[in-house]
Structure formats: structure tokens, C-alpha cells
Amino acid sequence: MIESLLLSVPHDEVRQVLDVVVEGGLGLEVTLYDTRWLMDNGALDEAEEIRKSLENRVEVITTHGPLFDLNPGSLDPIIRDYTRDCFIRGVEVCAALGGRKIVYHTFHNPLLPSGVLPGWKERAKPIWEELNGTAEEEGVEVCLENSYEPTAEFFADLFNAFADERTRMCFDPAHVHLYSRDGQSSWVITMGHLISHLHLNDNEGISDDHLALGEGEIPYSTILPELYGACLDSTVVLEMRADRIDQSLRFLRTLGLWA
């Protein structure tokens, strides 16, 4: 049985869904994708106000850090600097929200030639080290999420380059279905001991549609019991539009994973 089930919600929609979240006994994963808002001087104050509105109402809060067009290993120092600033501010806003965890992608493009990877990791590593240090100071757990990585070993190489002893993994089966040559079992064998957070949504094997569970072609009836059995302590996020939540909750109930 899933103990902590969360909904993924943009920061500016938290108040709109709060009653539904409270009535359903759910948690929240607040997405911090809007970097214009994130980097604004008022973001930390607004995050504090959101936290106050959630106190004694929502038990588990996590965040998803900024995502679009960032690159910690870019050859362009301006891009690296902006990525670093967004990374650090994401952790600070997570803490201000009362968040326990923040999710980041690795941001490496595996379509680049393999010879690019060593230099990319070398440029990116200091930014991840600073991020990890800030997260430790703020009491926030950093979770690296698989996205375009073609194999579990490829992801593990990046994880080991950037992680510290507190870093954990956010596992997304939908990304495995779309982009990985390895199946879920290989990922669980390679990374299962580090998985503490799960993102769930469905797709039809073409694009990352974030469909309701059971609406696409991912065999969740088979893989969810295996996955959750291997990661019992993980927080679980339904990462989809609000109108797809009810169908996903019904799907989880049929598997006996949600009461």
C-alpha cells in the first residue's frame, strides 16, 4: 500500500487544488518550472505564504526543480551560471515551502557524441557540488530523475559523478518506456537501493503525454507491484493534469495500492 501519494501542481495553482488534496489525504509536489517567478526577489516570500496555507493540512510536500533549457555542463559560461543560480534558488524555495525533497534531471543530452561526455561532466560537477551543499544546509533531499538516459548504467554513471551521500533517485517508468533500451527490472537492479521517489503517468510509447494510469500502453498492472515492492519507502507522485487524477486513483485501487 502506498503511504505517501502526491499530486504534481505548479506553484501558482496550489491554492486551487488544496481542498481536493486535503479531502483525499494526498500530498503535493510543487513544480518550480517558471524561472521568471523562481528568480524573482519575491519568490521566497511567496513560498513562505504557500507553506503557511499548507501547515496542518498537507503532510508531505516535495518540489520539482526548474527544468526547461538548463545545462550545467554547457560550453557557454552564461548558461552554466544561470543554471547554477536556478539550481540553488530551487533548493531555497523548496525549503521555504517546507519541502522534503527536490527533483532535478541530469540535463545531459545523450544524442551528443560520447566524446563530449567527460568534459560535460567536468564542467557540471562544481554546480552539482554547490547544489548538494546548499541542500544539506537547507535539510532538503536531492533526487536525480531519469529522463533521456538510454540505459540504467548510463544514468548510474551520471548519478555517481554528481551525487553525494544524501542524494537519491527519482524513478520515472514512463521515461524508461519512451527512451531507455533497458527495461524496468534493469533499472531497479542497478538503482533500486537509491530510489526514494517515484513519478507515475502513462503514455503510448511516442511522446511524454502524462496520461492517466491505464490510459496508455505501459503495463502498470505488472510493473507497479514489482516497482513499489522494491521501493516501499518511496514517495509517489501522480504527474499529470488534474482531470486525470481520479482515473489514476481508481487504477491504483484496483491494484490494491491505494485505499
C-alpha atoms as a PDB file:
ATOM      1  CA  MET A   1       0.000   0.000   0.000  1.00  0.00           C
ATOM      2  CA  ILE A   2       1.321   3.437  -0.981  1.00  0.00           C
ATOM      3  CA  GLU A   3       1.859   5.510   2.151  1.00  0.00           C
ATOM      4  CA  SER A   4       2.578   8.917   0.577  1.00  0.00           C
ATOM      5  CA  LEU A   5       0.759   9.743  -2.673  1.00  0.00           C
ATOM      6  CA  LEU A   6       1.273  13.258  -4.037  1.00  0.00           C
ATOM      7  CA  LEU A   7      -0.147  15.376  -6.851  1.00  0.00           C
ATOM      8  CA  SER A   8       2.111  17.408  -9.136  1.00  0.00           C
ATOM      9  CA  VAL A   9       0.938  21.045  -9.171  1.00  0.00           C
ATOM     10  CA  PRO A  10       2.503  24.321 -10.398  1.00  0.00           C
ATOM     11  CA  HIS A  11       3.292  26.797  -7.633  1.00  0.00           C
ATOM     12  CA  ASP A  12       0.562  29.196  -8.764  1.00  0.00           C
ATOM     13  CA  GLU A  13      -2.173  26.516  -8.691  1.00  0.00           C
ATOM     14  CA  VAL A  14      -1.599  25.152  -5.181  1.00  0.00           C
ATOM     15  CA  ARG A  15      -4.455  27.069  -3.600  1.00  0.00           C
ATOM     16  CA  GLN A  16      -6.841  25.963  -6.367  1.00  0.00           C
ATOM     17  CA  VAL A  17      -6.370  22.255  -5.627  1.00  0.00           C
ATOM     18  CA  LEU A  18      -5.814  22.457  -1.884  1.00  0.00           C
ATOM     19  CA  ASP A  19      -9.307  21.326  -0.852  1.00  0.00           C
ATOM     20  CA  VAL A  20      -9.128  18.299  -3.164  1.00  0.00           C
ATOM     21  CA  VAL A  21      -5.696  17.383  -1.829  1.00  0.00           C
ATOM     22  CA  VAL A  22      -6.769  17.662   1.809  1.00  0.00           C
ATOM     23  CA  GLU A  23     -10.007  15.725   1.311  1.00  0.00           C
ATOM     24  CA  GLY A  24      -8.131  12.956  -0.490  1.00  0.00           C
ATOM     25  CA  GLY A  25      -5.388  12.662   2.123  1.00  0.00           C
ATOM     26  CA  LEU A  26      -2.806  13.440  -0.545  1.00  0.00           C
ATOM     27  CA  GLY A  27       0.458  15.356  -0.616  1.00  0.00           C
ATOM     28  CA  LEU A  28       1.823  17.917  -3.055  1.00  0.00           C
ATOM     29  CA  GLU A  29       4.772  18.109  -5.411  1.00  0.00           C
ATOM     30  CA  VAL A  30       5.104  21.784  -6.304  1.00  0.00           C
ATOM     31  CA  THR A  31       6.699  22.375  -9.709  1.00  0.00           C
ATOM     32  CA  LEU A  32       9.155  25.272  -9.946  1.00  0.00           C
ATOM     33  CA  TYR A  33       9.417  25.415 -13.740  1.00  0.00           C
ATOM     34  CA  ASP A  34       8.727  29.137 -14.134  1.00  0.00           C
ATOM     35  CA  THR A  35      12.210  30.580 -13.649  1.00  0.00           C
ATOM     36  CA  ARG A  36      10.991  34.154 -14.127  1.00  0.00           C
ATOM     37  CA  TRP A  37       8.967  33.660 -10.945  1.00  0.00           C
ATOM     38  CA  LEU A  38      11.598  31.476  -9.267  1.00  0.00           C
ATOM     39  CA  MET A  39      14.386  34.012  -9.642  1.00  0.00           C
ATOM     40  CA  ASP A  40      12.243  36.979  -8.655  1.00  0.00           C
ATOM     41  CA  ASN A  41      13.070  38.598  -5.322  1.00  0.00           C
ATOM     42  CA  GLY A  42       9.559  37.867  -4.061  1.00  0.00           C
ATOM     43  CA  ALA A  43       9.614  34.112  -4.708  1.00  0.00           C
ATOM     44  CA  LEU A  44      10.912  33.164  -1.257  1.00  0.00           C
ATOM     45  CA  ASP A  45       8.288  35.304   0.485  1.00  0.00           C
ATOM     46  CA  GLU A  46       5.520  33.834  -1.665  1.00  0.00           C
ATOM     47  CA  ALA A  47       6.800  30.329  -0.950  1.00  0.00           C
ATOM     48  CA  GLU A  48       6.596  31.077   2.770  1.00  0.00           C
ATOM     49  CA  GLU A  49       2.985  32.203   2.343  1.00  0.00           C
ATOM     50  CA  ILE A  50       2.149  28.991   0.492  1.00  0.00           C
ATOM     51  CA  ARG A  51       3.783  26.980   3.269  1.00  0.00           C
ATOM     52  CA  LYS A  52       1.645  28.711   5.872  1.00  0.00           C
ATOM     53  CA  SER A  53      -1.501  27.845   3.898  1.00  0.00           C
ATOM     54  CA  LEU A  54      -0.443  24.165   3.853  1.00  0.00           C
ATOM     55  CA  GLU A  55       0.502  23.844   7.534  1.00  0.00           C
ATOM     56  CA  ASN A  56      -1.521  21.189   9.390  1.00  0.00           C
ATOM     57  CA  ARG A  57      -3.363  20.437   6.153  1.00  0.00           C
ATOM     58  CA  VAL A  58      -0.831  18.736   3.845  1.00  0.00           C
ATOM     59  CA  GLU A  59       1.611  16.359   5.483  1.00  0.00           C
ATOM     60  CA  VAL A  60       4.062  15.630   2.637  1.00  0.00           C
ATOM     61  CA  ILE A  61       5.450  18.315   0.321  1.00  0.00           C
ATOM     62  CA  THR A  62       8.121  17.863  -2.332  1.00  0.00           C
ATOM     63  CA  THR A  63       9.178  20.010  -5.281  1.00  0.00           C
ATOM     64  CA  HIS A  64      10.368  19.557  -8.840  1.00  0.00           C
ATOM     65  CA  GLY A  65      13.203  21.924  -9.615  1.00  0.00           C
ATOM     66  CA  PRO A  66      13.475  24.113 -12.715  1.00  0.00           C
ATOM     67  CA  LEU A  67      13.604  22.041 -15.859  1.00  0.00           C
ATOM     68  CA  PHE A  68      13.471  23.775 -19.221  1.00  0.00           C
ATOM     69  CA  ASP A  69      16.595  24.563 -21.274  1.00  0.00           C
ATOM     70  CA  LEU A  70      19.071  24.420 -18.405  1.00  0.00           C
ATOM     71  CA  ASN A  71      22.504  22.845 -18.857  1.00  0.00           C
ATOM     72  CA  PRO A  72      25.067  22.616 -16.026  1.00  0.00           C
ATOM     73  CA  GLY A  73      27.720  21.295 -18.413  1.00  0.00           C
ATOM     74  CA  SER A  74      27.214  23.815 -21.204  1.00  0.00           C
ATOM     75  CA  LEU A  75      30.212  25.180 -23.073  1.00  0.00           C
ATOM     76  CA  ASP A  76      28.624  28.614 -22.634  1.00  0.00           C
ATOM     77  CA  PRO A  77      29.564  30.017 -19.195  1.00  0.00           C
ATOM     78  CA  ILE A  78      26.483  32.263 -19.128  1.00  0.00           C
ATOM     79  CA  ILE A  79      24.228  29.201 -19.487  1.00  0.00           C
ATOM     80  CA  ARG A  80      26.184  27.407 -16.751  1.00  0.00           C
ATOM     81  CA  ASP A  81      25.905  30.391 -14.420  1.00  0.00           C
ATOM     82  CA  TYR A  82      22.172  30.750 -14.967  1.00  0.00           C
ATOM     83  CA  THR A  83      21.681  27.018 -14.445  1.00  0.00           C
ATOM     84  CA  ARG A  84      23.657  27.207 -11.203  1.00  0.00           C
ATOM     85  CA  ASP A  85      21.558  30.139  -9.963  1.00  0.00           C
ATOM     86  CA  CYS A  86      18.311  28.323 -10.804  1.00  0.00           C
ATOM     87  CA  PHE A  87      19.525  25.146  -9.096  1.00  0.00           C
ATOM     88  CA  ILE A  88      20.391  26.932  -5.871  1.00  0.00           C
ATOM     89  CA  ARG A  89      17.236  29.049  -5.800  1.00  0.00           C
ATOM     90  CA  GLY A  90      15.161  25.930  -6.399  1.00  0.00           C
ATOM     91  CA  VAL A  91      16.519  24.375  -3.207  1.00  0.00           C
ATOM     92  CA  GLU A  92      15.950  27.584  -1.261  1.00  0.00           C
ATOM     93  CA  VAL A  93      12.334  27.830  -2.442  1.00  0.00           C
ATOM     94  CA  CYS A  94      11.798  24.144  -1.685  1.00  0.00           C
ATOM     95  CA  ALA A  95      12.914  24.747   1.891  1.00  0.00           C
ATOM     96  CA  ALA A  96      10.715  27.843   2.164  1.00  0.00           C
ATOM     97  CA  LEU A  97       7.745  25.741   1.048  1.00  0.00           C
ATOM     98  CA  GLY A  98       8.503  23.171   3.715  1.00  0.00           C
ATOM     99  CA  GLY A  99       9.504  20.645   1.063  1.00  0.00           C
ATOM    100  CA  ARG A 100      11.329  17.442   1.965  1.00  0.00           C
ATOM    101  CA  LYS A 101      12.746  16.665  -1.484  1.00  0.00           C
ATOM    102  CA  ILE A 102      13.571  18.389  -4.747  1.00  0.00           C
ATOM    103  CA  VAL A 103      13.772  16.589  -8.089  1.00  0.00           C
ATOM    104  CA  TYR A 104      16.266  17.509 -10.811  1.00  0.00           C
ATOM    105  CA  HIS A 105      17.045  15.909 -14.152  1.00  0.00           C
ATOM    106  CA  THR A 106      20.674  15.315 -15.126  1.00  0.00           C
ATOM    107  CA  PHE A 107      20.248  17.625 -18.168  1.00  0.00           C
ATOM    108  CA  HIS A 108      22.691  15.653 -20.327  1.00  0.00           C
ATOM    109  CA  ASN A 109      21.704  15.114 -23.956  1.00  0.00           C
ATOM    110  CA  PRO A 110      22.657  11.516 -24.845  1.00  0.00           C
ATOM    111  CA  LEU A 111      22.414  12.328 -28.575  1.00  0.00           C
ATOM    112  CA  LEU A 112      25.685  14.215 -28.272  1.00  0.00           C
ATOM    113  CA  PRO A 113      28.844  12.288 -29.284  1.00  0.00           C
ATOM    114  CA  SER A 114      30.210  10.112 -26.481  1.00  0.00           C
ATOM    115  CA  GLY A 115      33.481  12.037 -26.548  1.00  0.00           C
ATOM    116  CA  VAL A 116      31.641  15.107 -25.254  1.00  0.00           C
ATOM    117  CA  LEU A 117      30.599  13.421 -22.000  1.00  0.00           C
ATOM    118  CA  PRO A 118      33.837  13.666 -19.945  1.00  0.00           C
ATOM    119  CA  GLY A 119      34.171  17.411 -20.495  1.00  0.00           C
ATOM    120  CA  TRP A 120      30.474  17.964 -19.895  1.00  0.00           C
ATOM    121  CA  LYS A 121      30.651  16.148 -16.553  1.00  0.00           C
ATOM    122  CA  GLU A 122      33.760  18.081 -15.529  1.00  0.00           C
ATOM    123  CA  ARG A 123      32.049  21.420 -16.183  1.00  0.00           C
ATOM    124  CA  ALA A 124      28.814  20.314 -14.490  1.00  0.00           C
ATOM    125  CA  LYS A 125      30.305  18.774 -11.353  1.00  0.00           C
ATOM    126  CA  PRO A 126      31.074  22.004  -9.435  1.00  0.00           C
ATOM    127  CA  ILE A 127      27.480  23.138  -9.912  1.00  0.00           C
ATOM    128  CA  TRP A 128      26.121  19.862  -8.555  1.00  0.00           C
ATOM    129  CA  GLU A 129      28.533  20.045  -5.625  1.00  0.00           C
ATOM    130  CA  GLU A 130      27.282  23.518  -4.733  1.00  0.00           C
ATOM    131  CA  LEU A 131      23.690  22.340  -5.111  1.00  0.00           C
ATOM    132  CA  ASN A 132      24.329  19.395  -2.788  1.00  0.00           C
ATOM    133  CA  GLY A 133      25.943  21.666  -0.218  1.00  0.00           C
ATOM    134  CA  THR A 134      23.004  24.068  -0.248  1.00  0.00           C
ATOM    135  CA  ALA A 135      20.551  21.162   0.001  1.00  0.00           C
ATOM    136  CA  GLU A 136      22.352  19.832   3.072  1.00  0.00           C
ATOM    137  CA  GLU A 137      22.235  23.260   4.717  1.00  0.00           C
ATOM    138  CA  GLU A 138      18.510  23.566   3.978  1.00  0.00           C
ATOM    139  CA  GLY A 139      17.663  19.990   5.017  1.00  0.00           C
ATOM    140  CA  VAL A 140      16.390  19.067   1.549  1.00  0.00           C
ATOM    141  CA  GLU A 141      16.961  15.726  -0.182  1.00  0.00           C
ATOM    142  CA  VAL A 142      18.059  15.973  -3.833  1.00  0.00           C
ATOM    143  CA  CYS A 143      16.568  13.307  -6.128  1.00  0.00           C
ATOM    144  CA  LEU A 144      18.008  12.851  -9.628  1.00  0.00           C
ATOM    145  CA  GLU A 145      15.386  11.716 -12.142  1.00  0.00           C
ATOM    146  CA  ASN A 146      15.957   9.543 -15.192  1.00  0.00           C
ATOM    147  CA  SER A 147      14.805  11.163 -18.406  1.00  0.00           C
ATOM    148  CA  TYR A 148      16.565  10.632 -21.761  1.00  0.00           C
ATOM    149  CA  GLU A 149      19.292   8.291 -20.489  1.00  0.00           C
ATOM    150  CA  PRO A 150      19.418   5.222 -22.784  1.00  0.00           C
ATOM    151  CA  THR A 151      20.424   2.681 -20.124  1.00  0.00           C
ATOM    152  CA  ALA A 152      20.477   2.295 -16.375  1.00  0.00           C
ATOM    153  CA  GLU A 153      24.284   2.133 -16.431  1.00  0.00           C
ATOM    154  CA  PHE A 154      24.460   5.426 -18.328  1.00  0.00           C
ATOM    155  CA  PHE A 155      22.270   7.061 -15.694  1.00  0.00           C
ATOM    156  CA  ALA A 156      24.287   5.457 -12.873  1.00  0.00           C
ATOM    157  CA  ASP A 157      27.472   6.968 -14.317  1.00  0.00           C
ATOM    158  CA  LEU A 158      25.952  10.465 -14.199  1.00  0.00           C
ATOM    159  CA  PHE A 159      24.439   9.844 -10.774  1.00  0.00           C
ATOM    160  CA  ASN A 160      27.791   8.765  -9.351  1.00  0.00           C
ATOM    161  CA  ALA A 161      29.503  11.811 -10.869  1.00  0.00           C
ATOM    162  CA  PHE A 162      27.087  14.298  -9.295  1.00  0.00           C
ATOM    163  CA  ALA A 163      25.669  12.699  -6.147  1.00  0.00           C
ATOM    164  CA  ASP A 164      26.811  12.948  -2.565  1.00  0.00           C
ATOM    165  CA  GLU A 165      25.922  10.523   0.225  1.00  0.00           C
ATOM    166  CA  ARG A 166      22.489  12.128   0.699  1.00  0.00           C
ATOM    167  CA  THR A 167      21.419  12.114  -2.972  1.00  0.00           C
ATOM    168  CA  ARG A 168      18.675   9.725  -4.028  1.00  0.00           C
ATOM    169  CA  MET A 169      16.919   8.833  -7.273  1.00  0.00           C
ATOM    170  CA  CYS A 170      13.505   9.764  -8.616  1.00  0.00           C
ATOM    171  CA  PHE A 171      12.425   6.917 -10.901  1.00  0.00           C
ATOM    172  CA  ASP A 172      10.055   7.582 -13.810  1.00  0.00           C
ATOM    173  CA  PRO A 173       8.807   4.401 -15.555  1.00  0.00           C
ATOM    174  CA  ALA A 174       7.224   6.471 -18.350  1.00  0.00           C
ATOM    175  CA  HIS A 175      10.643   7.835 -19.309  1.00  0.00           C
ATOM    176  CA  VAL A 176      12.051   4.316 -19.309  1.00  0.00           C
ATOM    177  CA  HIS A 177       9.216   3.247 -21.630  1.00  0.00           C
ATOM    178  CA  LEU A 178       9.995   6.064 -24.066  1.00  0.00           C
ATOM    179  CA  TYR A 179      13.741   6.480 -24.023  1.00  0.00           C
ATOM    180  CA  SER A 180      15.542   3.520 -22.445  1.00  0.00           C
ATOM    181  CA  ARG A 181      16.897   0.395 -24.089  1.00  0.00           C
ATOM    182  CA  ASP A 182      16.757  -1.267 -20.661  1.00  0.00           C
ATOM    183  CA  GLY A 183      13.526  -2.458 -19.113  1.00  0.00           C
ATOM    184  CA  GLN A 184      12.365  -1.533 -15.644  1.00  0.00           C
ATOM    185  CA  SER A 185      13.963  -4.564 -13.991  1.00  0.00           C
ATOM    186  CA  SER A 186      17.437  -3.469 -15.097  1.00  0.00           C
ATOM    187  CA  TRP A 187      16.841  -0.044 -13.612  1.00  0.00           C
ATOM    188  CA  VAL A 188      15.613  -1.499 -10.334  1.00  0.00           C
ATOM    189  CA  ILE A 189      18.587  -3.848 -10.124  1.00  0.00           C
ATOM    190  CA  THR A 190      21.053  -1.026 -10.862  1.00  0.00           C
ATOM    191  CA  MET A 191      19.460   1.856  -8.950  1.00  0.00           C
ATOM    192  CA  GLY A 192      16.761   0.357  -6.733  1.00  0.00           C
ATOM    193  CA  HIS A 193      18.684   0.813  -3.485  1.00  0.00           C
ATOM    194  CA  LEU A 194      18.800   4.568  -4.168  1.00  0.00           C
ATOM    195  CA  ILE A 195      15.208   5.139  -5.319  1.00  0.00           C
ATOM    196  CA  SER A 196      13.228   7.206  -2.813  1.00  0.00           C
ATOM    197  CA  HIS A 197      10.747   8.965  -5.097  1.00  0.00           C
ATOM    198  CA  LEU A 198       8.526   7.807  -7.978  1.00  0.00           C
ATOM    199  CA  HIS A 199       6.832   9.740 -10.783  1.00  0.00           C
ATOM    200  CA  LEU A 200       3.839   7.982 -12.346  1.00  0.00           C
ATOM    201  CA  ASN A 201       1.984   8.708 -15.577  1.00  0.00           C
ATOM    202  CA  ASP A 202       1.218   6.825 -18.783  1.00  0.00           C
ATOM    203  CA  ASN A 203       1.984   7.226 -22.485  1.00  0.00           C
ATOM    204  CA  GLU A 204       1.546   5.420 -25.792  1.00  0.00           C
ATOM    205  CA  GLY A 205       5.238   4.972 -26.497  1.00  0.00           C
ATOM    206  CA  ILE A 206       5.523   8.008 -28.783  1.00  0.00           C
ATOM    207  CA  SER A 207       5.717  11.096 -26.595  1.00  0.00           C
ATOM    208  CA  ASP A 208       5.734  12.019 -22.918  1.00  0.00           C
ATOM    209  CA  ASP A 209       1.979  12.657 -22.740  1.00  0.00           C
ATOM    210  CA  HIS A 210       1.483  12.314 -18.964  1.00  0.00           C
ATOM    211  CA  LEU A 211      -1.709  10.325 -19.456  1.00  0.00           C
ATOM    212  CA  ALA A 212      -3.773   8.832 -16.636  1.00  0.00           C
ATOM    213  CA  LEU A 213      -2.589   5.436 -15.393  1.00  0.00           C
ATOM    214  CA  GLY A 214      -4.120   2.716 -17.544  1.00  0.00           C
ATOM    215  CA  GLU A 215      -4.824   5.104 -20.420  1.00  0.00           C
ATOM    216  CA  GLY A 216      -1.611   4.364 -22.325  1.00  0.00           C
ATOM    217  CA  GLU A 217       0.348   1.213 -23.093  1.00  0.00           C
ATOM    218  CA  ILE A 218       2.706   0.971 -20.098  1.00  0.00           C
ATOM    219  CA  PRO A 219       1.906  -2.365 -18.347  1.00  0.00           C
ATOM    220  CA  TYR A 220       1.456  -0.783 -14.929  1.00  0.00           C
ATOM    221  CA  SER A 221      -0.643  -3.702 -13.666  1.00  0.00           C
ATOM    222  CA  THR A 222       2.520  -5.795 -13.900  1.00  0.00           C
ATOM    223  CA  ILE A 223       5.311  -3.349 -13.198  1.00  0.00           C
ATOM    224  CA  LEU A 224       3.800  -1.282 -10.376  1.00  0.00           C
ATOM    225  CA  PRO A 225       3.623  -4.118  -7.822  1.00  0.00           C
ATOM    226  CA  GLU A 226       7.212  -5.066  -8.698  1.00  0.00           C
ATOM    227  CA  LEU A 227       8.410  -1.470  -8.574  1.00  0.00           C
ATOM    228  CA  TYR A 228       6.667  -0.476  -5.384  1.00  0.00           C
ATOM    229  CA  GLY A 229       7.654  -3.758  -3.759  1.00  0.00           C
ATOM    230  CA  ALA A 230      11.283  -2.809  -4.376  1.00  0.00           C
ATOM    231  CA  CYS A 231      10.834   0.788  -3.188  1.00  0.00           C
ATOM    232  CA  LEU A 232       8.414   0.572  -0.278  1.00  0.00           C
ATOM    233  CA  ASP A 233       9.551   3.769   1.421  1.00  0.00           C
ATOM    234  CA  SER A 234       9.259   5.931  -1.684  1.00  0.00           C
ATOM    235  CA  THR A 235       7.015   8.930  -2.009  1.00  0.00           C
ATOM    236  CA  VAL A 236       4.848   8.549  -5.128  1.00  0.00           C
ATOM    237  CA  VAL A 237       3.726  11.410  -7.388  1.00  0.00           C
ATOM    238  CA  LEU A 238       0.891  11.368  -9.919  1.00  0.00           C
ATOM    239  CA  GLU A 239       2.498  13.614 -12.533  1.00  0.00           C
ATOM    240  CA  MET A 240      -0.404  14.574 -14.790  1.00  0.00           C
ATOM    241  CA  ARG A 241      -3.206  17.061 -15.335  1.00  0.00           C
ATOM    242  CA  ALA A 242      -5.756  17.384 -12.554  1.00  0.00           C
ATOM    243  CA  ASP A 243      -8.569  15.939 -14.686  1.00  0.00           C
ATOM    244  CA  ARG A 244      -6.632  12.651 -14.975  1.00  0.00           C
ATOM    245  CA  ILE A 245      -6.201  12.131 -11.249  1.00  0.00           C
ATOM    246  CA  ASP A 246      -9.490  10.337 -10.485  1.00  0.00           C
ATOM    247  CA  GLN A 247      -8.910   7.705 -13.173  1.00  0.00           C
ATOM    248  CA  SER A 248      -5.392   7.120 -11.864  1.00  0.00           C
ATOM    249  CA  LEU A 249      -6.619   6.746  -8.278  1.00  0.00           C
ATOM    250  CA  ARG A 250      -9.185   4.174  -9.418  1.00  0.00           C
ATOM    251  CA  PHE A 251      -6.425   2.312 -11.240  1.00  0.00           C
ATOM    252  CA  LEU A 252      -4.260   2.219  -8.119  1.00  0.00           C
ATOM    253  CA  ARG A 253      -7.215   0.956  -6.088  1.00  0.00           C
ATOM    254  CA  THR A 254      -7.710  -1.961  -8.483  1.00  0.00           C
ATOM    255  CA  LEU A 255      -4.108  -2.977  -7.763  1.00  0.00           C
ATOM    256  CA  GLY A 256      -4.630  -2.659  -4.021  1.00  0.00           C
ATOM    257  CA  LEU A 257      -2.013   0.096  -3.827  1.00  0.00           C
ATOM    258  CA  TRP A 258      -4.282   2.932  -2.690  1.00  0.00           C
ATOM    259  CA  ALA A 259      -7.178   2.838  -0.272  1.00  0.00           C
END
